[in-house]
């Protein structure tokens, strides 16, 4: 279960976003080029708080 705040979720989500620049392309077919210039995040309740914090760069 998650603790009383979302700090760990924010850090984990930021790590996934950082991974996208190198890791995502390795999972896609060779003819598909990943474009991660813009990444959309969404969430409800706690996930919304996490998404909003990342959008504001509150890491």
PDB file of N, CA and C in Angstrom:
ATOM      1  N   UNK A   1       0.840  -1.193   0.000  1.00  0.00           N
ATOM      2  CA  UNK A   1       0.000   0.000   0.000  1.00  0.00           C
ATOM      3  C   UNK A   1       0.880   1.249   0.000  1.00  0.00           C
ATOM      4  N   UNK A   2       0.349   2.259  -0.588  1.00  0.00           N
ATOM      5  CA  UNK A   2       1.073   3.519  -0.665  1.00  0.00           C
ATOM      6  C   UNK A   2       1.029   4.231   0.678  1.00  0.00           C
ATOM      7  N   UNK A   3       2.045   5.035   0.923  1.00  0.00           N
ATOM      8  CA  UNK A   3       2.128   5.802   2.161  1.00  0.00           C
ATOM      9  C   UNK A   3       1.238   7.027   2.125  1.00  0.00           C
ATOM     10  N   UNK A   4       1.420   7.929   3.091  1.00  0.00           N
ATOM     11  CA  UNK A   4       0.557   9.096   3.206  1.00  0.00           C
ATOM     12  C   UNK A   4       0.778  10.167   2.137  1.00  0.00           C
ATOM     13  N   UNK A   5       1.865  10.080   1.377  1.00  0.00           N
ATOM     14  CA  UNK A   5       2.076  11.063   0.314  1.00  0.00           C
ATOM     15  C   UNK A   5       2.451  10.347  -0.981  1.00  0.00           C
ATOM     16  N   UNK A   6       2.638  11.110  -2.034  1.00  0.00           N
ATOM     17  CA  UNK A   6       2.886  10.512  -3.353  1.00  0.00           C
ATOM     18  C   UNK A   6       4.338  10.635  -3.802  1.00  0.00           C
ATOM     19  N   UNK A   7       5.246  10.939  -2.901  1.00  0.00           N
ATOM     20  CA  UNK A   7       6.643  11.140  -3.297  1.00  0.00           C
ATOM     21  C   UNK A   7       7.229   9.940  -4.028  1.00  0.00           C
ATOM     22  N   UNK A   8       6.978   8.740  -3.547  1.00  0.00           N
ATOM     23  CA  UNK A   8       7.524   7.547  -4.204  1.00  0.00           C
ATOM     24  C   UNK A   8       6.904   7.338  -5.580  1.00  0.00           C
ATOM     25  N   UNK A   9       5.599   7.573  -5.705  1.00  0.00           N
ATOM     26  CA  UNK A   9       4.945   7.441  -7.000  1.00  0.00           C
ATOM     27  C   UNK A   9       5.501   8.457  -7.997  1.00  0.00           C
ATOM     28  N   UNK A  10       5.747   9.664  -7.534  1.00  0.00           N
ATOM     29  CA  UNK A  10       6.302  10.705  -8.397  1.00  0.00           C
ATOM     30  C   UNK A  10       7.691  10.296  -8.881  1.00  0.00           C
ATOM     31  N   UNK A  11       8.521   9.815  -7.974  1.00  0.00           N
ATOM     32  CA  UNK A  11       9.874   9.386  -8.352  1.00  0.00           C
ATOM     33  C   UNK A  11       9.833   8.212  -9.318  1.00  0.00           C
ATOM     34  N   UNK A  12       8.974   7.240  -9.058  1.00  0.00           N
ATOM     35  CA  UNK A  12       8.869   6.068  -9.935  1.00  0.00           C
ATOM     36  C   UNK A  12       8.382   6.455 -11.326  1.00  0.00           C
ATOM     37  N   UNK A  13       7.395   7.318 -11.387  1.00  0.00           N
ATOM     38  CA  UNK A  13       6.865   7.755 -12.675  1.00  0.00           C
ATOM     39  C   UNK A  13       7.914   8.556 -13.439  1.00  0.00           C
ATOM     40  N   UNK A  14       8.667   9.386 -12.748  1.00  0.00           N
ATOM     41  CA  UNK A  14       9.745  10.149 -13.391  1.00  0.00           C
ATOM     42  C   UNK A  14      10.800   9.210 -13.964  1.00  0.00           C
ATOM     43  N   UNK A  15      11.095   8.123 -13.264  1.00  0.00           N
ATOM     44  CA  UNK A  15      12.064   7.147 -13.764  1.00  0.00           C
ATOM     45  C   UNK A  15      11.558   6.479 -15.038  1.00  0.00           C
ATOM     46  N   UNK A  16      10.275   6.171 -15.083  1.00  0.00           N
ATOM     47  CA  UNK A  16       9.701   5.570 -16.297  1.00  0.00           C
ATOM     48  C   UNK A  16       9.795   6.553 -17.461  1.00  0.00           C
ATOM     49  N   UNK A  17       9.475   7.807 -17.221  1.00  0.00           N
ATOM     50  CA  UNK A  17       9.553   8.818 -18.278  1.00  0.00           C
ATOM     51  C   UNK A  17      10.991   8.964 -18.768  1.00  0.00           C
ATOM     52  N   UNK A  18      11.953   8.966 -17.855  1.00  0.00           N
ATOM     53  CA  UNK A  18      13.364   9.038 -18.244  1.00  0.00           C
ATOM     54  C   UNK A  18      13.768   7.824 -19.072  1.00  0.00           C
ATOM     55  N   UNK A  19      13.251   6.663 -18.722  1.00  0.00           N
ATOM     56  CA  UNK A  19      13.565   5.421 -19.436  1.00  0.00           C
ATOM     57  C   UNK A  19      13.061   5.452 -20.874  1.00  0.00           C
ATOM     58  N   UNK A  20      11.950   6.138 -21.117  1.00  0.00           N
ATOM     59  CA  UNK A  20      11.338   6.160 -22.445  1.00  0.00           C
ATOM     60  C   UNK A  20      12.313   6.563 -23.545  1.00  0.00           C
ATOM     61  N   UNK A  21      13.195   7.526 -23.278  1.00  0.00           N
ATOM     62  CA  UNK A  21      14.088   8.036 -24.320  1.00  0.00           C
ATOM     63  C   UNK A  21      15.021   6.969 -24.868  1.00  0.00           C
ATOM     64  N   UNK A  22      15.390   5.981 -24.081  1.00  0.00           N
ATOM     65  CA  UNK A  22      16.277   4.922 -24.555  1.00  0.00           C
ATOM     66  C   UNK A  22      15.582   3.569 -24.623  1.00  0.00           C
ATOM     67  N   UNK A  23      14.782   3.251 -23.655  1.00  0.00           N
ATOM     68  CA  UNK A  23      14.205   1.921 -23.555  1.00  0.00           C
ATOM     69  C   UNK A  23      13.046   1.637 -24.481  1.00  0.00           C
ATOM     70  N   UNK A  24      12.229   2.628 -24.772  1.00  0.00           N
ATOM     71  CA  UNK A  24      11.038   2.396 -25.588  1.00  0.00           C
ATOM     72  C   UNK A  24      11.393   1.931 -26.992  1.00  0.00           C
ATOM     73  N   UNK A  25      12.371   2.570 -27.609  1.00  0.00           N
ATOM     74  CA  UNK A  25      12.726   2.236 -28.986  1.00  0.00           C
ATOM     75  C   UNK A  25      13.127   0.770 -29.122  1.00  0.00           C
ATOM     76  N   UNK A  26      13.753   0.205 -28.106  1.00  0.00           N
ATOM     77  CA  UNK A  26      14.167  -1.201 -28.139  1.00  0.00           C
ATOM     78  C   UNK A  26      12.986  -2.159 -28.171  1.00  0.00           C
ATOM     79  N   UNK A  27      11.826  -1.716 -27.750  1.00  0.00           N
ATOM     80  CA  UNK A  27      10.643  -2.570 -27.706  1.00  0.00           C
ATOM     81  C   UNK A  27       9.753  -2.436 -28.939  1.00  0.00           C
ATOM     82  N   UNK A  28      10.020  -1.437 -29.752  1.00  0.00           N
ATOM     83  CA  UNK A  28       9.195  -1.189 -30.937  1.00  0.00           C
ATOM     84  C   UNK A  28       9.768  -1.903 -32.160  1.00  0.00           C
ATOM     85  N   UNK A  29       8.918  -2.207 -33.145  1.00  0.00           N
ATOM     86  CA  UNK A  29       9.430  -2.759 -34.405  1.00  0.00           C
ATOM     87  C   UNK A  29      10.432  -1.784 -35.035  1.00  0.00           C
ATOM     88  N   UNK A  30      11.363  -2.307 -35.810  1.00  0.00           N
ATOM     89  CA  UNK A  30      12.432  -1.480 -36.382  1.00  0.00           C
ATOM     90  C   UNK A  30      11.910  -0.328 -37.234  1.00  0.00           C
ATOM     91  N   UNK A  31      10.795  -0.522 -37.918  1.00  0.00           N
ATOM     92  CA  UNK A  31      10.275   0.524 -38.803  1.00  0.00           C
ATOM     93  C   UNK A  31       9.462   1.592 -38.065  1.00  0.00           C
ATOM     94  N   UNK A  32       9.300   1.440 -36.761  1.00  0.00           N
ATOM     95  CA  UNK A  32       8.540   2.407 -35.963  1.00  0.00           C
ATOM     96  C   UNK A  32       9.519   3.246 -35.153  1.00  0.00           C
ATOM     97  N   UNK A  33       9.413   4.554 -35.267  1.00  0.00           N
ATOM     98  CA  UNK A  33      10.288   5.469 -34.549  1.00  0.00           C
ATOM     99  C   UNK A  33       9.505   6.141 -33.422  1.00  0.00           C
ATOM    100  N   UNK A  34       9.985   5.988 -32.209  1.00  0.00           N
ATOM    101  CA  UNK A  34       9.330   6.606 -31.053  1.00  0.00           C
ATOM    102  C   UNK A  34       9.553   8.117 -31.078  1.00  0.00           C
ATOM    103  N   UNK A  35       8.504   8.868 -30.821  1.00  0.00           N
ATOM    104  CA  UNK A  35       8.586  10.318 -30.709  1.00  0.00           C
ATOM    105  C   UNK A  35       8.084  10.680 -29.320  1.00  0.00           C
ATOM    106  N   UNK A  36       9.007  10.990 -28.438  1.00  0.00           N
ATOM    107  CA  UNK A  36       8.612  11.299 -27.058  1.00  0.00           C
ATOM    108  C   UNK A  36       8.852  12.771 -26.724  1.00  0.00           C
ATOM    109  N   UNK A  37       8.745  13.623 -27.752  1.00  0.00           N
ATOM    110  CA  UNK A  37       8.890  15.056 -27.505  1.00  0.00           C
ATOM    111  C   UNK A  37       7.799  15.574 -26.579  1.00  0.00           C
ATOM    112  N   UNK A  38       6.648  14.928 -26.623  1.00  0.00           N
ATOM    113  CA  UNK A  38       5.550  15.265 -25.720  1.00  0.00           C
ATOM    114  C   UNK A  38       5.031  13.968 -25.125  1.00  0.00           C
ATOM    115  N   UNK A  39       4.898  13.940 -23.822  1.00  0.00           N
ATOM    116  CA  UNK A  39       4.376  12.760 -23.129  1.00  0.00           C
ATOM    117  C   UNK A  39       3.137  13.184 -22.364  1.00  0.00           C
ATOM    118  N   UNK A  40       2.058  12.462 -22.559  1.00  0.00           N
ATOM    119  CA  UNK A  40       0.820  12.750 -21.845  1.00  0.00           C
ATOM    120  C   UNK A  40       0.680  11.848 -20.635  1.00  0.00           C
ATOM    121  N   UNK A  41       0.331  12.422 -19.525  1.00  0.00           N
ATOM    122  CA  UNK A  41       0.063  11.670 -18.299  1.00  0.00           C
ATOM    123  C   UNK A  41      -1.338  12.008 -17.823  1.00  0.00           C
ATOM    124  N   UNK A  42      -2.002  11.024 -17.283  1.00  0.00           N
ATOM    125  CA  UNK A  42      -3.328  11.246 -16.721  1.00  0.00           C
ATOM    126  C   UNK A  42      -3.469  10.382 -15.486  1.00  0.00           C
ATOM    127  N   UNK A  43      -4.321  10.772 -14.623  1.00  0.00           N
ATOM    128  CA  UNK A  43      -4.564   9.978 -13.433  1.00  0.00           C
ATOM    129  C   UNK A  43      -5.816  10.454 -12.724  1.00  0.00           C
ATOM    130  N   UNK A  44      -6.288   9.614 -11.838  1.00  0.00           N
ATOM    131  CA  UNK A  44      -7.461   9.933 -11.036  1.00  0.00           C
ATOM    132  C   UNK A  44      -7.042   9.876  -9.580  1.00  0.00           C
ATOM    133  N   UNK A  45      -7.462  10.819  -8.803  1.00  0.00           N
ATOM    134  CA  UNK A  45      -7.166  10.872  -7.384  1.00  0.00           C
ATOM    135  C   UNK A  45      -5.653  10.923  -7.174  1.00  0.00           C
ATOM    136  N   UNK A  46      -5.085   9.916  -6.559  1.00  0.00           N
ATOM    137  CA  UNK A  46      -3.648   9.893  -6.268  1.00  0.00           C
ATOM    138  C   UNK A  46      -2.815   9.944  -7.558  1.00  0.00           C
ATOM    139  N   UNK A  47      -3.262   9.251  -8.601  1.00  0.00           N
ATOM    140  CA  UNK A  47      -2.571   9.287  -9.886  1.00  0.00           C
ATOM    141  C   UNK A  47      -2.628  10.667 -10.519  1.00  0.00           C
ATOM    142  N   UNK A  48      -3.729  11.370 -10.312  1.00  0.00           N
ATOM    143  CA  UNK A  48      -3.846  12.736 -10.798  1.00  0.00           C
ATOM    144  C   UNK A  48      -2.872  13.660 -10.092  1.00  0.00           C
ATOM    145  N   UNK A  49      -2.714  13.461  -8.803  1.00  0.00           N
ATOM    146  CA  UNK A  49      -1.756  14.253  -8.029  1.00  0.00           C
ATOM    147  C   UNK A  49      -0.339  13.997  -8.531  1.00  0.00           C
ATOM    148  N   UNK A  50      -0.035  12.737  -8.816  1.00  0.00           N
ATOM    149  CA  UNK A  50       1.284  12.371  -9.335  1.00  0.00           C
ATOM    150  C   UNK A  50       1.517  13.014 -10.699  1.00  0.00           C
ATOM    151  N   UNK A  51       0.541  12.902 -11.595  1.00  0.00           N
ATOM    152  CA  UNK A  51       0.661  13.485 -12.935  1.00  0.00           C
ATOM    153  C   UNK A  51       0.833  14.996 -12.870  1.00  0.00           C
ATOM    154  N   UNK A  52       0.057  15.633 -12.021  1.00  0.00           N
ATOM    155  CA  UNK A  52       0.119  17.086 -11.897  1.00  0.00           C
ATOM    156  C   UNK A  52       1.472  17.524 -11.347  1.00  0.00           C
ATOM    157  N   UNK A  53       1.989  16.798 -10.366  1.00  0.00           N
ATOM    158  CA  UNK A  53       3.298  17.128  -9.794  1.00  0.00           C
ATOM    159  C   UNK A  53       4.392  17.022 -10.851  1.00  0.00           C
ATOM    160  N   UNK A  54       4.325  15.982 -11.680  1.00  0.00           N
ATOM    161  CA  UNK A  54       5.325  15.833 -12.740  1.00  0.00           C
ATOM    162  C   UNK A  54       5.183  16.923 -13.794  1.00  0.00           C
ATOM    163  N   UNK A  55       3.959  17.298 -14.119  1.00  0.00           N
ATOM    164  CA  UNK A  55       3.739  18.367 -15.093  1.00  0.00           C
ATOM    165  C   UNK A  55       4.323  19.686 -14.588  1.00  0.00           C
ATOM    166  N   UNK A  56       4.303  19.875 -13.283  1.00  0.00           N
ATOM    167  CA  UNK A  56       4.861  21.087 -12.679  1.00  0.00           C
ATOM    168  C   UNK A  56       6.335  20.934 -12.334  1.00  0.00           C
ATOM    169  N   UNK A  57       6.912  19.784 -12.679  1.00  0.00           N
ATOM    170  CA  UNK A  57       8.317  19.469 -12.378  1.00  0.00           C
ATOM    171  C   UNK A  57       8.601  19.500 -10.886  1.00  0.00           C
ATOM    172  N   UNK A  58       7.693  18.978 -10.105  1.00  0.00           N
ATOM    173  CA  UNK A  58       7.861  18.919  -8.653  1.00  0.00           C
ATOM    174  C   UNK A  58       8.432  17.557  -8.258  1.00  0.00           C
ATOM    175  N   UNK A  59       9.629  17.264  -8.737  1.00  0.00           N
ATOM    176  CA  UNK A  59      10.236  15.965  -8.451  1.00  0.00           C
ATOM    177  C   UNK A  59      11.279  16.123  -7.379  1.00  0.00           C
TER     178      UNK A  59
END
